[in-house]
Amino acid sequence: MSKKPAALPWPNLQALIDDHGSFVVGYVSPIPCAAIASDQHNMLAAPGAPSREALTELLGRLEAAVAKAYDEQIYTDEING
């Protein structure tokens, strides 16, 4: 179950921050644009981005991956394989 109301643009990313987690968006060699979300203990999601993906699309995929980690304990890792 998602942790925040859907009225927020990225409710699960907000919940992650509220729970003292973090996320980083940017260059992670050799991936030109990646997003990595972690709580205080584990990486929850790391979707890699196609080179032409808009930031809002990447954040939307990160939001969905964090929701999947929270709701189903399924962790996305497209960076490390």
Protein backbone atom coordinates (compact mmCIF):
# COMPACT_ATOMS: atom_id res chain seq x y z
CA MET A 1 0.00 0.00 0.00
CA SER A 2 1.32 3.43 -0.90
CA LYS A 3 2.43 5.50 2.06
CA LYS A 4 1.10 8.94 1.03
CA PRO A 5 -2.11 10.26 -0.57
CA ALA A 6 -2.12 10.15 -4.36
CA ALA A 7 -2.78 13.93 -4.45
CA LEU A 8 0.97 14.54 -4.23
CA PRO A 9 2.84 14.31 -7.57
CA TRP A 10 5.22 11.60 -6.28
CA PRO A 11 3.73 10.36 -2.99
CA ASN A 12 6.13 7.45 -2.47
CA LEU A 13 9.21 9.59 -3.10
CA GLN A 14 7.84 12.04 -0.52
CA ALA A 15 7.27 9.15 1.91
CA LEU A 16 10.84 8.00 1.31
CA ILE A 17 12.19 11.44 2.23
CA ASP A 18 9.84 11.69 5.22
CA ASP A 19 11.23 8.33 6.43
CA HIS A 20 14.82 9.66 6.18
CA GLY A 21 15.51 7.94 2.86
CA SER A 22 16.91 9.61 -0.22
CA PHE A 23 17.09 9.46 -3.98
CA VAL A 24 19.66 10.65 -6.48
CA VAL A 25 19.11 11.45 -10.14
CA GLY A 26 21.98 11.92 -12.56
CA TYR A 27 24.98 10.37 -14.24
CA VAL A 28 26.06 6.99 -12.86
CA SER A 29 28.84 5.63 -15.04
CA PRO A 30 28.23 4.34 -17.65
CA ILE A 31 24.53 5.27 -17.48
CA PRO A 32 23.89 8.85 -18.69
CA CYS A 33 20.83 9.31 -16.48
CA ALA A 34 19.87 7.05 -13.61
CA ALA A 35 17.74 7.34 -10.50
CA ILE A 36 18.56 5.53 -7.26
CA ALA A 37 16.28 5.44 -4.21
CA SER A 38 17.39 4.09 -0.84
CA ASP A 39 15.99 3.95 2.64
CA GLN A 40 18.30 4.03 5.66
CA HIS A 41 19.34 0.40 5.06
CA ASN A 42 18.79 -0.75 1.48
CA MET A 43 18.53 0.33 -2.11
CA LEU A 44 14.84 0.20 -3.01
CA ALA A 45 14.94 1.10 -6.69
CA ALA A 46 17.41 1.92 -9.43
CA PRO A 47 15.74 2.38 -12.79
CA GLY A 48 18.17 3.26 -15.58
CA ALA A 49 16.95 5.82 -18.09
CA PRO A 50 17.02 5.69 -21.86
CA SER A 51 19.13 8.60 -23.09
CA ARG A 52 16.15 10.59 -24.34
CA GLU A 53 13.78 10.06 -21.41
CA ALA A 54 12.46 13.25 -19.83
CA LEU A 55 13.20 13.88 -16.15
CA THR A 56 9.50 13.73 -15.29
CA GLU A 57 9.25 10.31 -16.95
CA LEU A 58 12.26 9.02 -15.02
CA LEU A 59 10.84 10.35 -11.75
CA GLY A 60 7.52 8.70 -12.59
CA ARG A 61 9.29 5.37 -13.11
CA LEU A 62 11.24 5.87 -9.88
CA GLU A 63 7.97 6.63 -8.06
CA ALA A 64 6.41 3.42 -9.41
CA ALA A 65 9.49 1.37 -8.48
CA VAL A 66 9.53 2.75 -4.93
CA ALA A 67 5.80 1.97 -4.62
CA LYS A 68 6.53 -1.61 -5.75
CA ALA A 69 9.29 -1.87 -3.14
CA TYR A 70 6.97 -0.57 -0.40
CA ASP A 71 3.89 -2.54 -1.46
CA GLU A 72 5.31 -5.82 -2.75
CA GLN A 73 8.91 -5.92 -1.50
CA ILE A 74 10.03 -6.12 -5.15
CA TYR A 75 13.20 -4.12 -5.75
CA THR A 76 14.01 -2.73 -9.20
CA ASP A 77 17.66 -2.67 -10.24
CA GLU A 78 18.21 -1.82 -13.90
CA ILE A 79 21.70 -0.44 -13.22
CA ASN A 80 23.47 -3.44 -11.73
CA GLY A 81 21.52 -6.02 -13.67
